[in-house]
Amino acid sequence: MERAADYPRPPLLEPDPRRVRIVHSGTVVVDTRRAQRVLETWSPPTFYVPTADLSRDARLERATGASSFCEWKGAATYWDLHVADTVVSQAAWGYDSPTPRFASLQGTVAFYASRVDECWVDDERVTPQPGGFYGGWITPDVAGPFKGEPGTEHW
């Protein structure tokens, strides 16, 4: 069992060979074994998937007017997900020009588990990280507490 309290700061980036799937509106958006995860103190892992592994039945379009900045990874861009007849506003984010330490995140995006129908790591369905800003994925192998609830934003 991993504990979010034991994750490092600055965060650690590592490949994750497990099967990662994202499903929305009955469509498999991503199915990959090439995910990377970022481990940061007090957060459940954030999974980044290659945009090259996006299904042909789904597409990402840059969200207008949305951006944020991470002191470790750099300037983030946000993406709207188009799948079936739906559009999910700011369903994912990524880094067009990540910092050198996180260079392997270029060409990947992370999906908010709270904004799509299902996210899976192997056969475990993901629970979204609390709050509206953070995008970590909670699985049974990671113990909290997790930042994201009111009053935990500055942990």
Foldseek 3Di string as FASTA:
>chain_A
DAELQPADPVKDKAWAQFWKWFDAPRDTQFTDRGWIWIRHRQAAIFIKDAPVRTDPQKDWDWAPPDWDADPQWGIKTFIWMCHDPDIQGRQWIFDCCTDPNPRVRHRIITGACVRGDWMDGHPWTWDAQAADPDRHTDTPVYHHDHAHPPPRPVD
